[in-house]
Amino acid sequence: MKKNYILLQMYDALRSGVGLNINDCCNRYAISVATFRRYIAFLRSYFFENYGREIIYDAQNLLYCLK
């Protein structure tokens, strides 16, 4: 899959409130954990700069969520 498509899918999951699980994303998109972390860092910056919102890690549910 293309990087842009994966980022858009991740963006949609965060915006819809579903959240992102590392293992699920890595398996679904065939990416490494390091790549997932780079994508989250990119999205974290994007959401903060454009919307003033943060991506947080919910350790209880093992999800990255938009706050």
Protein backbone atom coordinates (compact mmCIF):
# COMPACT_ATOMS: atom_id res chain seq x y z
CA MET A 1 0.00 0.00 0.00
CA LYS A 2 1.03 3.55 -0.60
CA LYS A 3 2.09 5.79 2.29
CA ASN A 4 -0.52 8.44 1.44
CA TYR A 5 -3.35 5.92 1.52
CA ILE A 6 -2.21 4.52 4.88
CA LEU A 7 -1.92 8.00 6.39
CA LEU A 8 -5.42 8.88 5.18
CA GLN A 9 -6.82 5.67 6.66
CA MET A 10 -5.10 6.42 9.97
CA TYR A 11 -6.37 10.02 9.83
CA ASP A 12 -9.94 8.79 9.28
CA ALA A 13 -9.70 6.34 12.20
CA LEU A 14 -8.49 9.08 14.53
CA ARG A 15 -11.11 11.61 13.38
CA SER A 16 -13.94 9.10 13.72
CA GLY A 17 -12.91 8.25 17.29
CA VAL A 18 -12.03 4.62 16.57
CA GLY A 19 -8.38 5.05 17.52
CA LEU A 20 -5.34 3.14 16.32
CA ASN A 21 -3.78 -0.03 17.70
CA ILE A 22 -0.13 -0.53 16.75
CA ASN A 23 -0.36 -4.25 16.03
CA ASP A 24 -3.60 -3.95 14.07
CA CYS A 25 -2.19 -1.17 11.87
CA CYS A 26 1.12 -2.93 11.28
CA ASN A 27 -0.66 -6.11 10.22
CA ARG A 28 -3.38 -4.41 8.17
CA TYR A 29 -1.00 -2.16 6.22
CA ALA A 30 2.09 -4.44 6.24
CA ILE A 31 4.28 -1.80 7.88
CA SER A 32 6.87 -2.03 10.64
CA VAL A 33 6.43 -0.62 14.13
CA ALA A 34 9.07 2.00 13.32
CA THR A 35 7.06 3.10 10.27
CA PHE A 36 3.87 3.22 12.35
CA ARG A 37 5.64 5.46 14.87
CA ARG A 38 6.83 7.80 12.08
CA TYR A 39 3.30 8.04 10.73
CA ILE A 40 1.89 8.78 14.21
CA ALA A 41 4.54 11.47 14.71
CA PHE A 42 3.53 13.05 11.40
CA LEU A 43 -0.18 12.91 12.28
CA ARG A 44 0.51 14.21 15.79
CA SER A 45 2.22 17.29 14.34
CA TYR A 46 -0.48 17.77 11.74
CA PHE A 47 -3.37 17.64 14.20
CA PHE A 48 -1.63 19.93 16.69
CA GLU A 49 -0.56 22.54 14.12
CA ASN A 50 -3.85 22.62 12.22
CA TYR A 51 -6.48 21.86 14.84
CA GLY A 52 -4.76 22.35 18.20
CA ARG A 53 -5.59 18.74 19.08
CA GLU A 54 -3.32 16.06 20.47
CA ILE A 55 -2.88 12.38 19.76
CA ILE A 56 -2.50 10.55 23.05
CA TYR A 57 -1.76 6.93 23.86
CA ASP A 58 -4.43 5.23 25.94
CA ALA A 59 -2.41 2.50 27.68
CA GLN A 60 -5.52 0.89 29.16
CA ASN A 61 -7.05 0.23 25.73
CA LEU A 62 -3.73 0.08 23.81
CA LEU A 63 -4.91 2.76 21.38
CA TYR A 64 -3.70 6.05 20.00
CA CYS A 65 -6.63 8.47 20.20
CA LEU A 66 -7.36 12.04 19.26
CA LYS A 67 -7.93 14.28 22.26
